[in-house]
Protein backbone atom coordinates (compact mmCIF):
# COMPACT_ATOMS: atom_id res chain seq x y z
CA MET A 1 119.06 187.53 57.84
CA ILE A 2 117.03 184.61 57.73
CA LYS A 3 117.11 182.25 60.46
CA ARG A 4 117.67 178.49 59.58
CA PRO A 5 114.24 176.37 60.84
CA GLU A 6 114.24 174.80 64.16
CA ILE A 7 114.69 171.10 64.03
CA ILE A 8 112.43 169.04 66.44
CA GLU A 9 112.92 165.29 66.84
CA TRP A 10 113.33 162.68 69.19
CA LEU A 11 115.38 159.33 69.20
CA ASP A 12 114.67 156.57 72.13
CA ASP A 13 118.26 155.15 73.49
CA THR A 14 116.92 153.21 76.00
CA GLY A 15 114.07 151.19 74.43
CA LYS A 16 111.57 151.33 77.28
CA GLU A 17 110.42 155.18 76.67
CA ILE A 18 106.80 154.97 75.45
CA VAL A 19 106.07 158.75 75.87
CA HIS A 20 108.62 161.60 75.57
CA ARG A 21 107.65 165.36 75.87
CA GLU A 22 109.67 168.54 73.99
CA PRO A 23 110.64 170.06 76.20
CA GLN A 24 110.64 167.81 79.20
CA THR A 25 110.14 170.44 81.80
CA GLY A 26 107.26 173.76 81.16
CA SER A 27 106.45 174.49 77.77
CA GLY A 28 108.50 175.08 74.94
CA GLU A 29 109.04 178.23 72.18
CA PHE A 30 107.99 177.03 68.72
CA ARG A 31 107.93 179.20 65.84
CA ILE A 32 106.11 178.69 62.43
CA GLY A 33 108.27 177.22 60.17
CA SER A 34 109.74 174.73 62.43
CA GLN A 35 110.50 171.44 61.01
CA LEU A 36 109.02 168.41 62.86
CA VAL A 37 110.34 165.25 62.26
CA VAL A 38 108.50 161.62 62.97
CA ARG A 39 110.07 158.44 62.57
CA GLU A 40 108.19 155.36 61.21
CA SER A 41 107.41 153.93 64.66
CA GLN A 42 106.43 157.12 66.27
CA GLU A 43 103.28 159.57 66.25
CA ALA A 44 103.88 163.54 67.65
CA VAL A 45 100.82 164.97 69.34
CA PHE A 46 100.96 168.94 69.75
CA PHE A 47 99.49 170.72 72.81
CA ARG A 48 99.22 174.21 73.40
CA ASP A 49 97.59 176.07 76.47
CA GLY A 50 96.71 172.29 77.66
CA LYS A 51 94.67 171.43 74.82
CA ALA A 52 95.67 168.54 72.04
CA MET A 53 96.02 170.32 68.56
CA ASP A 54 96.92 167.84 66.32
CA THR A 55 98.28 164.14 65.79
CA MET A 56 101.06 163.88 62.89
CA GLY A 57 102.26 160.60 61.74
CA PRO A 58 105.79 159.55 60.41
CA GLY A 59 107.61 162.11 58.12
CA ARG A 60 108.93 165.59 58.37
CA HIS A 61 106.46 168.29 59.14
CA THR A 62 106.42 172.09 58.54
CA LEU A 63 104.35 173.90 61.26
CA THR A 64 102.18 176.14 59.59
CA THR A 65 98.62 177.51 60.13
CA GLN A 66 97.21 174.82 57.46
CA ASN A 67 98.41 171.67 59.00
CA ILE A 68 97.78 173.33 62.53
CA PRO A 69 94.49 175.12 62.00
CA LEU A 70 94.20 176.76 65.53
CA LEU A 71 97.30 178.74 65.01
CA ALA A 72 95.78 180.56 62.14
CA GLU A 73 95.43 183.62 64.50
CA LEU A 74 98.97 184.19 64.93
CA ALA A 75 99.58 184.35 61.19
CA GLY A 76 99.37 188.02 61.00
CA MET A 77 102.02 188.61 64.07
CA ALA A 78 105.78 188.89 63.20
CA PHE A 79 108.69 189.50 65.29
CA GLU A 80 111.70 191.30 63.59
CA GLY A 81 111.05 189.22 60.83
CA GLU A 82 111.29 186.13 62.13
CA GLY A 83 108.34 183.56 62.20
CA SER A 84 105.72 184.05 64.74
CA PRO A 85 106.64 182.54 68.02
CA PHE A 86 104.12 180.56 70.20
CA ARG A 87 104.48 178.19 73.14
CA ALA A 88 103.48 174.43 73.10
CA GLU A 89 104.54 171.29 73.94
CA VAL A 90 104.99 168.09 71.54
CA TYR A 91 104.68 164.74 72.84
CA TYR A 92 106.33 161.86 71.11
CA VAL A 93 104.29 158.32 71.20
CA ASN A 94 106.31 155.50 70.56
CA LYS A 95 104.28 153.28 68.45
CA LYS A 96 106.51 150.06 68.42
CA THR A 97 105.71 146.74 70.37
CA PHE A 98 106.97 146.42 73.86
CA THR A 99 107.72 142.94 74.18
CA ASP A 100 108.79 140.48 77.06
CA MET A 101 107.06 142.38 79.70
CA LYS A 102 106.38 140.21 82.67
CA TRP A 103 103.26 139.37 85.25
CA GLY A 104 103.02 137.35 87.91
CA THR A 105 101.09 136.63 91.18
CA LYS A 106 102.70 138.23 94.63
CA GLU A 107 100.79 135.82 96.72
CA PRO A 108 99.33 132.52 96.05
CA ILE A 109 95.51 132.46 95.05
CA ILE A 110 93.20 129.75 96.47
CA PHE A 111 90.97 127.66 94.03
CA ARG A 112 88.79 124.66 94.19
CA ASP A 113 90.26 121.40 93.06
CA LYS A 114 88.30 118.21 92.01
CA GLU A 115 91.37 116.10 93.47
CA LEU A 116 92.93 118.10 95.94
CA ALA A 117 89.63 119.85 97.17
CA MET A 118 91.60 123.12 97.67
CA VAL A 119 94.92 124.53 96.04
CA ARG A 120 96.70 127.71 96.12
CA LEU A 121 98.12 128.57 93.01
CA ARG A 122 100.68 130.94 91.41
CA ALA A 123 100.84 132.28 87.64
CA PHE A 124 103.56 133.86 85.66
CA GLY A 125 103.87 134.56 82.05
CA GLN A 126 104.67 137.60 79.70
CA PHE A 127 102.65 139.93 77.49
CA SER A 128 103.32 142.56 74.97
CA ILE A 129 101.23 146.07 74.50
CA LYS A 130 101.35 148.37 71.69
CA VAL A 131 99.91 152.39 71.80
CA SER A 132 97.06 152.18 69.82
CA GLN A 133 95.37 155.96 70.25
CA SER A 134 98.06 158.13 71.03
CA GLN A 135 96.11 161.34 72.62
CA LEU A 136 94.04 158.85 74.80
CA PHE A 137 96.80 157.30 76.08
CA ILE A 138 98.21 160.63 76.90
CA ASN A 139 95.48 162.29 78.50
CA LYS A 140 94.77 158.87 80.61
CA LEU A 141 97.98 157.61 81.95
CA VAL A 142 100.61 160.12 80.85
CA GLY A 143 99.46 163.35 81.87
CA THR A 144 102.16 166.23 81.88
CA GLU A 145 105.17 163.98 82.74
CA GLY A 146 108.24 164.79 80.84
CA ARG A 147 108.76 161.07 79.69
CA TYR A 148 106.75 157.84 80.63
CA THR A 149 108.28 154.45 80.52
CA THR A 150 107.26 151.04 80.23
CA ASP A 151 107.96 150.43 84.03
CA ALA A 152 105.37 152.90 84.87
CA VAL A 153 102.32 151.34 82.90
CA GLU A 154 103.68 147.38 83.51
CA SER A 155 103.02 147.65 87.29
CA TYR A 156 99.32 148.79 86.58
CA LEU A 157 98.65 146.44 84.10
CA LYS A 158 100.13 143.62 85.73
CA GLY A 159 97.34 144.18 88.71
CA VAL A 160 94.71 144.31 85.74
CA ILE A 161 96.19 140.93 84.50
CA ILE A 162 95.77 139.16 87.66
CA SER A 163 92.55 140.28 88.62
CA ARG A 164 90.88 139.21 85.26
CA LEU A 165 93.02 135.95 85.51
CA ALA A 166 92.00 134.82 88.92
CA ASP A 167 88.34 135.44 88.06
CA LEU A 168 89.21 133.28 84.43
CA MET A 169 90.57 130.46 86.37
CA GLY A 170 87.75 130.26 88.98
CA GLU A 171 85.47 129.72 86.57
CA THR A 172 87.27 127.02 84.42
CA LEU A 173 89.75 125.48 87.04
CA THR A 174 88.74 121.94 87.57
CA SER A 175 92.00 120.10 88.49
CA ILE A 176 95.73 121.44 88.43
CA PHE A 177 96.70 118.18 87.06
CA ASP A 178 94.57 119.16 83.80
CA LEU A 179 95.95 122.64 83.64
CA ALA A 180 98.94 122.14 81.05
CA GLN A 181 96.86 121.28 78.53
CA SER A 182 95.05 124.17 78.81
CA TYR A 183 97.22 126.76 78.56
CA ASP A 184 96.80 128.10 75.42
CA GLU A 185 92.66 128.34 75.98
CA ILE A 186 93.37 130.14 79.24
CA SER A 187 95.68 132.72 77.54
CA THR A 188 93.07 133.18 74.62
CA LEU A 189 90.11 133.61 76.94
CA ALA A 190 92.32 136.22 79.08
CA LYS A 191 93.58 138.09 76.14
CA ALA A 192 89.96 138.49 75.20
CA ARG A 193 89.06 139.84 78.74
CA LEU A 194 91.86 142.13 79.09
CA GLY A 195 91.24 143.51 75.38
CA ASP A 196 88.76 146.14 76.81
CA ASP A 197 90.71 146.99 79.70
CA PHE A 198 93.78 147.81 77.92
CA GLU A 199 91.94 149.77 74.96
CA LYS A 200 90.33 152.09 77.18
CA TYR A 201 93.70 153.52 78.01
CA GLY A 202 94.67 153.45 74.15
CA ILE A 203 96.85 150.49 74.75
CA GLN A 204 96.57 147.25 72.60
CA LEU A 205 97.05 144.00 73.99
CA VAL A 206 99.19 142.13 71.31
CA ASP A 207 100.68 138.69 73.22
CA PHE A 208 99.53 137.28 76.20
CA TYR A 209 101.00 133.84 77.61
CA ILE A 210 101.42 131.78 80.70
CA ASN A 211 104.11 130.21 81.45
CA ALA A 212 103.51 128.57 84.44
CA ILE A 213 100.70 127.76 87.06
CA THR A 214 102.34 125.82 90.19
CA PRO A 215 101.45 125.51 93.53
CA PRO A 216 103.29 126.61 96.52
CA ASP A 217 106.81 124.42 97.14
CA GLU A 218 105.16 122.41 100.11
CA VAL A 219 102.15 121.40 97.59
CA GLN A 220 104.51 120.42 94.71
CA LYS A 221 106.16 118.25 97.52
CA ARG A 222 103.44 116.11 98.51
CA ILE A 223 102.16 116.00 94.64
CA ASP A 224 105.65 114.43 93.80
CA GLU A 225 105.48 112.05 97.03
CA ARG A 226 101.72 110.84 95.47
CA THR A 227 103.33 110.59 92.14
CA SER A 228 105.97 108.32 93.64
CA MET A 229 103.91 106.36 95.10
CA ALA A 230 101.75 105.75 92.12
CA ALA A 231 104.54 104.39 90.20
CA LEU A 232 105.47 101.97 92.49
CA GLY A 233 102.17 100.17 91.24
CA ASN A 234 101.33 97.16 93.49
CA MET A 235 102.34 97.55 96.78
CA ASN A 236 102.40 94.51 98.17
CA ASP A 237 104.46 93.28 95.23
CA TYR A 238 107.26 96.09 96.01
CA MET A 239 107.38 95.36 99.44
CA ARG A 240 108.04 91.59 98.65
CA PHE A 241 110.81 92.61 96.46
CA LYS A 242 112.25 95.19 99.11
CA THR A 243 112.05 92.27 101.95
CA ALA A 244 113.93 90.04 99.58
CA THR A 245 116.34 92.41 98.66
CA ALA A 246 117.01 93.30 102.59
CA VAL A 247 117.46 89.76 103.74
CA SER A 248 120.01 88.97 100.67
CA ASP A 249 121.93 92.25 101.88
CA ALA A 250 121.69 90.90 105.64
CA ALA A 251 122.91 87.21 104.84
CA GLN A 252 126.13 89.00 102.82
CA ASN A 253 127.03 91.42 106.06
CA GLN A 254 129.63 89.29 107.66
CA ALA A 255 131.23 92.48 109.20
CA GLY A 256 129.23 92.04 112.52
CA GLY A 257 130.74 88.49 113.94
CA ALA A 258 128.40 86.45 115.77
CA ALA A 259 126.72 89.37 116.61
CA GLY A 260 126.10 90.58 114.03
CA THR A 261 124.86 87.18 112.19
CA GLY A 262 122.30 86.91 115.03
CA VAL A 263 120.77 90.55 114.59
CA GLY A 264 120.74 89.15 110.69
CA LEU A 265 119.08 86.17 111.59
CA GLY A 266 116.79 88.22 113.81
CA ALA A 267 116.11 90.63 110.98
CA GLY A 268 115.46 87.81 108.18
CA VAL A 269 113.34 85.97 110.52
CA GLY A 270 111.13 89.37 110.77
CA MET A 271 111.19 90.02 107.28
CA GLY A 272 110.64 86.62 106.55
CA ALA A 273 107.24 86.71 108.37
CA ALA A 274 106.31 90.18 107.05
CA MET A 275 106.83 88.50 103.58
CA ALA A 276 104.92 85.08 104.54
CA ASN A 277 102.18 87.32 105.85
CA MET A 278 101.72 89.41 102.59
CA MET A 279 102.28 86.66 100.30
CA ALA A 280 98.93 85.21 102.10
CA GLN A 281 97.12 88.44 102.05
CA GLY A 282 98.08 88.26 97.92
CA MET A 283 96.40 84.72 97.71
CA MET A 284 93.25 85.60 99.22
CA GLY A 285 91.14 86.49 96.11
CA GLY A 286 89.08 89.87 96.74
CA GLY A 287 89.32 89.55 100.35
CA GLN A 288 89.71 93.02 101.77
CA PRO A 289 93.67 93.74 102.58
CA GLN A 290 94.24 92.61 106.48
CA GLN A 291 96.81 94.66 108.62
CA ALA A 292 100.15 92.89 108.73
CA ALA A 293 100.99 91.31 112.00
CA PRO A 294 104.12 93.07 113.54
CA ALA A 295 107.21 91.13 112.48
CA PRO A 296 109.34 89.92 115.85
CA THR A 297 112.64 91.90 115.84
CA ALA A 298 115.96 90.58 117.00
CA ALA A 299 115.79 92.40 120.30
CA ALA A 300 112.74 90.25 121.41
CA PRO A 301 113.55 87.64 124.13
CA ALA A 302 113.62 83.78 122.67
CA ALA A 303 110.66 81.79 124.24
CA ALA A 304 111.68 79.19 127.14
CA LEU A 305 112.67 76.00 126.24
CA VAL A 306 111.94 72.87 128.37
CA ALA A 307 113.14 69.33 128.70
CA CYS A 308 111.47 66.38 126.93
CA PRO A 309 110.58 63.73 129.55
CA ALA A 310 111.51 61.30 126.67
CA CYS A 311 114.31 62.16 125.39
CA SER A 312 115.73 64.77 127.84
CA LYS A 313 116.49 67.20 124.47
CA MET A 314 115.63 71.02 125.21
CA VAL A 315 113.23 71.94 123.01
CA VAL A 316 110.28 74.56 122.37
CA PRO A 317 107.32 74.24 124.41
CA GLY A 318 104.30 72.65 122.92
CA LYS A 319 102.11 69.14 122.94
CA PHE A 320 104.45 66.82 121.61
CA CYS A 321 108.46 66.53 121.10
CA PRO A 322 109.95 67.62 117.95
CA GLU A 323 112.88 64.90 118.21
CA CYS A 324 110.91 61.94 119.60
CA GLY A 325 107.38 63.18 118.86
CA LYS A 326 106.45 61.96 122.43
CA PRO A 327 104.13 63.86 124.53
CA LEU A 328 106.00 66.83 126.28
CA SER A 329 103.33 67.05 129.22
CA ALA A 330 104.95 64.92 132.26
CA THR A 331 102.72 62.89 134.34
CA CYS A 332 102.88 62.75 138.40
CA GLY A 333 104.81 59.20 139.23
CA LYS A 334 102.52 59.09 142.18
CA CYS A 335 99.02 59.91 141.24
CA GLY A 336 99.21 60.31 137.41
CA ALA A 337 98.23 63.98 137.16
CA ILE A 338 99.54 65.72 134.37
CA LEU A 339 102.60 67.78 135.30
CA ALA A 340 103.39 71.37 133.60
CA PRO A 341 106.28 71.53 132.03
CA GLY A 342 109.39 72.44 134.27
CA ALA A 343 107.26 71.34 137.53
CA LYS A 344 109.36 70.49 140.42
CA PHE A 345 105.87 69.18 142.51
CA CYS A 346 102.96 67.66 141.44
CA PRO A 347 100.07 70.12 141.72
CA GLU A 348 97.65 67.15 143.11
CA CYS A 349 99.59 64.85 145.65
CA GLY A 350 102.43 67.31 146.21
CA THR A 351 104.98 64.34 145.23
CA LYS A 352 108.42 65.57 144.40
CA THR A 353 108.56 65.24 140.19
CA GLY A 354 111.58 63.97 138.88
CA VAL A 355 110.75 60.16 138.40
CA VAL A 356 108.66 58.56 136.17
CA LYS A 357 107.25 54.66 136.08
CA CYS A 358 108.03 51.80 133.52
CA PRO A 359 104.94 51.66 131.47
CA LYS A 360 105.44 47.46 132.19
CA CYS A 361 106.47 46.76 135.66
CA GLY A 362 105.66 50.14 137.48
CA ALA A 363 108.74 50.61 138.65
CA ASP A 364 110.28 54.14 139.43
CA MET A 365 112.72 55.35 136.72
CA SER A 366 114.43 58.73 135.92
CA PRO A 367 113.29 60.63 133.03
CA GLY A 368 115.12 59.76 129.73
CA SER A 369 115.88 56.52 130.66
CA LYS A 370 115.46 54.43 127.83
CA PHE A 371 115.64 50.69 129.63
CA CYS A 372 113.52 50.10 133.10
CA PRO A 373 116.30 49.38 135.76
CA GLU A 374 113.92 46.34 136.97
CA CYS A 375 112.68 44.70 134.05
CA GLY A 376 115.01 45.75 131.38
CA ASN A 377 111.68 47.19 129.67
CA LYS A 378 113.09 49.32 126.77
CA ILE A 379 111.08 52.53 126.41
CA GLU A 380 110.00 54.17 123.38
């Protein structure tokens, strides 16, 4: 009775297996004449007694002493008319390109930066690999595992990528503001350096891409603030515009009644003073910018008013009355000393104030009198 030849094959249903061993546990019993099927995207490596005996490419292979020379010693052995059995393992190696493998830094890495002095950066990207030397890959990474997936190799390769990339960026980084235009160059250099690290494990680095190199969120926030300030342009012009807008809004806000009007006027005065100060600074050519004086607020108390001795109007203290133009400083009716505004007694002779002299006849008059009660002289 002729036994049908044994068929040995493997198909990857997950899309993530790089190496699959038949059988997955222990060693299997194979016979001379067994059929080994290898797909176009595969290679099969035969192991017996812990040694790699042969590597077979795509196609259907019949196990004979011709294609596996080390089995020649079994050629004369027979078991009940069947092919000579032997114990071995077959490692199927998936030779396709594994794409969309991710890499990224777990923690930000500190770099020098010409703009920000120092900055912490995180990097993310993707890469693709394929097995270039099946026996080397099995011996270096797979060992005796029954199946070896991309998850197992990806975590190790990530560490290699981060180490090399950190060293490369330390040599080339000048400022994070120039990084975006250098992604391709950095990717090319990184791929060249990583090529040797991958090849010693029988892996070819097919593609390597940098998707983003970014600072932490708090640093990005500060950069956004700096960008916003730069977008404003001339700060004086911006403040003038904002002040004018605020004054217009305050003038249109009538909801607060008299109190609201007073607050609006106070705010308008303060903002007007601030705007005048900025305009004065803007007209100073080439000078150093001066610190703006604090604007008066609506809550600041108003200055005390005094009565003009000539027209009796309540006015702001000063040298001259803004109503009649006369001097605001009164004189003592007895000794002629200059009196402080609101003084009740002369500081020189002690005479009670409240009377003034007629400039023509010298008669006593009440402050604010327009004619002398004695001579009828008109008081200018």
